[in-house]
Amino acid sequence: MPSANDIRRGQVIKFHGEPHLVMEMTHRTPGNLRAFVQIKMRNLRYGKALDQRFTSTETVEILSTDRRTLEFSYEDRGTFAFIDPETFDQIEFSSEAIGDLKNYLATGCKADILFVDGMALSIDLPGTVELKVVESADGIKGDTASNVQKPAKMETGLVVQVPLFIKEGEIIKVNSTDGSYLGRA
C-alpha cells in the first residue's frame, strides 16, 4: 500500500471504511518533530469535510476511480436516472444524493459522475446550465431603470432573477453554483 506521502489532490482514499476525496494535501516538517501530511478531505457518501493528519510513513488505501460524462434522463418518485450515451447503461441516484443539484437538472443535461470501485458516488455539473423559463411576469412598459429584474420560474422549479425582457418559453443560461442569470442561450 502507498504511504501518506504518495497521496495527491483529487485522489479518493479509504478512511474509516468510507471513500474520501482529497481536496488539499500539505507535507509538513516542523522543526524538531517528525514529518506529517495534513489532508483536507470530503466524505463522498455524506458530504462532510474534515482535516486529518497522517504520519509520512503511514499507509493509506487509494481507491480506483473513473469519471464519466452521463446525460440526465428523467426523474421518477425521487429517483434521478442518468444514462451513458455510448453504452446506454443507466445509473440512478436518490433525491438525497442529488440534493440541491436537482434544481439544475433538465432532460439531456450532461453531468460528470465519479465512480469509485465501480460504484457511482458523486455528481459534478458544468458551471452553466441551460434551462427553459416556464413562468414569468410581463415587464412593465416604461420600467427601464438600469438592472431591473423580475423572478422567473424554470422547468426544474428553480426561481431565478432575470431581466425584464425575458419571456416564457425562452431558454436561458444559469450559473449552477449560485443560481444567477448569465444570459440567453
Protein backbone atom coordinates (compact mmCIF):
# COMPACT_ATOMS: atom_id res chain seq x y z
CA MET A 1 0.00 0.00 0.00
CA PRO A 2 1.20 3.54 -0.69
CA SER A 3 2.32 5.81 2.13
CA ALA A 4 0.67 9.11 3.06
CA ASN A 5 3.43 10.94 1.12
CA ASP A 6 2.06 9.42 -2.13
CA ILE A 7 -1.42 10.95 -1.75
CA ARG A 8 -2.26 13.67 -4.29
CA ARG A 9 -5.10 16.16 -4.68
CA GLY A 10 -8.11 14.67 -6.50
CA GLN A 11 -7.47 11.08 -5.41
CA VAL A 12 -10.01 9.08 -3.42
CA ILE A 13 -8.76 7.32 -0.28
CA LYS A 14 -10.43 4.92 2.13
CA PHE A 15 -10.57 6.40 5.64
CA HIS A 16 -12.53 4.66 8.43
CA GLY A 17 -14.10 2.41 5.80
CA GLU A 18 -15.56 5.31 3.79
CA PRO A 19 -14.37 6.87 0.50
CA HIS A 20 -12.98 10.40 0.89
CA LEU A 21 -11.97 12.81 -1.87
CA VAL A 22 -8.65 14.57 -1.18
CA MET A 23 -9.21 18.32 -1.68
CA GLU A 24 -5.89 19.64 -0.30
CA MET A 25 -2.66 17.98 0.76
CA THR A 26 0.27 19.59 2.57
CA HIS A 27 3.51 17.90 3.62
CA ARG A 28 4.97 19.49 6.78
CA THR A 29 8.23 19.04 8.62
CA PRO A 30 8.10 21.17 11.77
CA GLY A 31 11.42 21.93 13.48
CA ASN A 32 12.49 19.01 15.65
CA LEU A 33 9.33 16.88 15.15
CA ARG A 34 8.66 14.10 12.68
CA ALA A 35 7.24 14.92 9.26
CA PHE A 36 3.50 14.57 8.69
CA VAL A 37 0.95 15.02 5.93
CA GLN A 38 -2.05 17.32 6.55
CA ILE A 39 -5.02 16.37 4.35
CA LYS A 40 -8.30 18.19 3.84
CA MET A 41 -10.84 15.69 2.51
CA ARG A 42 -14.58 15.27 1.91
CA ASN A 43 -16.60 12.14 2.62
CA LEU A 44 -18.20 11.12 -0.69
CA ARG A 45 -21.18 9.39 0.92
CA TYR A 46 -22.23 12.12 3.38
CA GLY A 47 -20.51 15.26 2.05
CA LYS A 48 -18.80 16.18 5.35
CA ALA A 49 -15.37 17.80 5.06
CA LEU A 50 -12.63 17.11 7.58
CA ASP A 51 -8.93 17.69 8.23
CA GLN A 52 -6.77 14.71 9.06
CA ARG A 53 -3.12 14.37 9.92
CA PHE A 54 -1.15 11.28 8.85
CA THR A 55 2.46 10.42 9.65
CA SER A 56 4.53 10.44 6.48
CA THR A 57 5.17 6.68 6.74
CA GLU A 58 1.55 5.66 7.48
CA THR A 59 -0.04 3.51 4.79
CA VAL A 60 -3.26 4.64 3.10
CA GLU A 61 -5.54 2.76 0.73
CA ILE A 62 -6.06 4.67 -2.52
CA LEU A 63 -9.26 3.63 -4.33
CA SER A 64 -9.52 3.30 -8.10
CA THR A 65 -11.69 5.98 -9.66
CA ASP A 66 -13.32 6.62 -13.01
CA ARG A 67 -15.04 9.83 -14.13
CA ARG A 68 -17.62 9.60 -16.93
CA THR A 69 -19.91 12.15 -18.54
CA LEU A 70 -23.53 10.98 -18.46
CA GLU A 71 -26.82 12.57 -19.54
CA PHE A 72 -29.70 13.22 -17.17
CA SER A 73 -32.64 11.21 -18.47
CA TYR A 74 -35.62 11.53 -16.11
CA GLU A 75 -36.83 11.84 -12.50
CA ASP A 76 -39.42 9.44 -11.10
CA ARG A 77 -40.61 9.43 -7.46
CA GLY A 78 -37.40 10.80 -6.02
CA THR A 79 -35.10 8.73 -8.22
CA PHE A 80 -32.92 10.53 -10.76
CA ALA A 81 -31.78 8.46 -13.75
CA PHE A 82 -28.65 9.16 -15.79
CA ILE A 83 -27.75 7.36 -18.99
CA ASP A 84 -24.39 6.73 -20.65
CA PRO A 85 -24.79 7.98 -24.26
CA GLU A 86 -22.28 5.42 -25.58
CA THR A 87 -23.25 2.19 -23.78
CA PHE A 88 -26.83 3.16 -22.79
CA ASP A 89 -26.19 1.95 -19.22
CA GLN A 90 -28.49 3.59 -16.69
CA ILE A 91 -27.37 4.80 -13.26
CA GLU A 92 -29.85 6.01 -10.64
CA PHE A 93 -29.38 8.38 -7.69
CA SER A 94 -31.78 9.08 -4.83
CA SER A 95 -33.03 12.61 -4.23
CA GLU A 96 -30.95 12.70 -1.01
CA ALA A 97 -27.77 12.01 -3.01
CA ILE A 98 -28.66 14.66 -5.61
CA GLY A 99 -29.55 17.37 -3.06
CA ASP A 100 -29.86 20.89 -4.47
CA LEU A 101 -28.45 19.84 -7.84
CA LYS A 102 -31.99 18.77 -8.81
CA ASN A 103 -32.77 22.46 -9.46
CA TYR A 104 -30.28 22.46 -12.35
CA LEU A 105 -31.06 19.07 -13.94
CA ALA A 106 -33.06 19.39 -17.14
CA THR A 107 -33.56 16.45 -19.51
CA GLY A 108 -30.44 16.00 -21.64
CA CYS A 109 -28.19 17.92 -19.23
CA LYS A 110 -24.68 16.47 -19.07
CA ALA A 111 -23.03 15.74 -15.71
CA ASP A 112 -19.70 14.28 -14.64
CA ILE A 113 -20.22 11.23 -12.43
CA LEU A 114 -17.39 9.98 -10.21
CA PHE A 115 -17.23 6.19 -9.92
CA VAL A 116 -15.23 4.67 -7.06
CA ASP A 117 -14.59 0.93 -7.40
CA GLY A 118 -17.40 0.72 -9.96
CA MET A 119 -19.98 2.47 -7.76
CA ALA A 120 -21.33 5.95 -8.68
CA LEU A 121 -20.73 8.28 -5.74
CA SER A 122 -20.74 11.95 -6.72
CA ILE A 123 -22.11 14.28 -9.38
CA ASP A 124 -20.50 17.42 -10.78
CA LEU A 125 -22.49 19.73 -13.04
CA PRO A 126 -20.92 22.12 -15.55
CA GLY A 127 -20.57 25.74 -14.42
CA THR A 128 -23.51 26.84 -16.55
CA VAL A 129 -26.71 25.01 -17.45
CA GLU A 130 -29.45 25.90 -19.92
CA LEU A 131 -32.97 25.96 -18.51
CA LYS A 132 -36.35 26.87 -20.02
CA VAL A 133 -38.47 29.62 -18.46
CA VAL A 134 -41.96 28.25 -17.77
CA GLU A 135 -43.44 31.09 -15.73
CA SER A 136 -42.57 34.77 -15.74
CA ALA A 137 -44.49 38.00 -15.23
CA ASP A 138 -44.52 40.50 -18.09
CA GLY A 139 -42.26 43.50 -17.78
CA ILE A 140 -43.95 46.86 -17.30
CA LYS A 141 -43.55 49.17 -20.29
CA GLY A 142 -41.56 52.21 -19.37
CA ASP A 143 -39.77 50.49 -16.48
CA THR A 144 -36.32 50.89 -17.99
CA ALA A 145 -34.25 51.74 -14.95
CA SER A 146 -30.90 50.00 -15.13
CA ASN A 147 -30.64 46.45 -13.87
CA VAL A 148 -34.34 45.95 -13.05
CA GLN A 149 -35.09 42.24 -12.58
CA LYS A 150 -38.10 40.01 -12.06
CA PRO A 151 -38.47 36.43 -10.77
CA ALA A 152 -38.83 33.66 -13.34
CA LYS A 153 -39.64 30.01 -12.69
CA MET A 154 -37.57 27.43 -14.57
CA GLU A 155 -38.68 23.99 -15.82
CA THR A 156 -36.98 22.41 -12.79
CA GLY A 157 -38.83 24.59 -10.27
CA LEU A 158 -35.86 26.90 -9.62
CA VAL A 159 -36.72 30.62 -9.35
CA VAL A 160 -34.12 32.91 -10.93
CA GLN A 161 -33.98 36.72 -11.03
CA VAL A 162 -33.92 37.67 -14.73
CA PRO A 163 -34.04 40.95 -16.72
CA LEU A 164 -37.45 42.32 -17.75
CA PHE A 165 -37.07 41.31 -21.43
CA ILE A 166 -37.03 37.56 -20.67
CA LYS A 167 -40.35 35.90 -21.58
CA GLU A 168 -41.92 32.48 -21.00
CA GLY A 169 -40.59 29.75 -23.29
CA GLU A 170 -37.10 31.24 -23.63
CA ILE A 171 -34.03 29.22 -22.75
CA ILE A 172 -31.51 30.98 -20.52
CA LYS A 173 -28.08 30.19 -19.09
CA VAL A 174 -27.96 29.82 -15.30
CA ASN A 175 -24.90 29.59 -13.05
CA SER A 176 -25.09 26.15 -11.41
CA THR A 177 -23.18 27.21 -8.28
CA ASP A 178 -25.27 30.20 -7.15
CA GLY A 179 -28.39 30.13 -9.38
CA SER A 180 -27.79 33.51 -11.02
CA TYR A 181 -28.86 34.54 -14.53
CA LEU A 182 -25.98 34.62 -17.06
CA GLY A 183 -27.72 35.34 -20.37
CA ARG A 184 -29.82 33.92 -23.15
CA ALA A 185 -28.87 30.60 -24.69
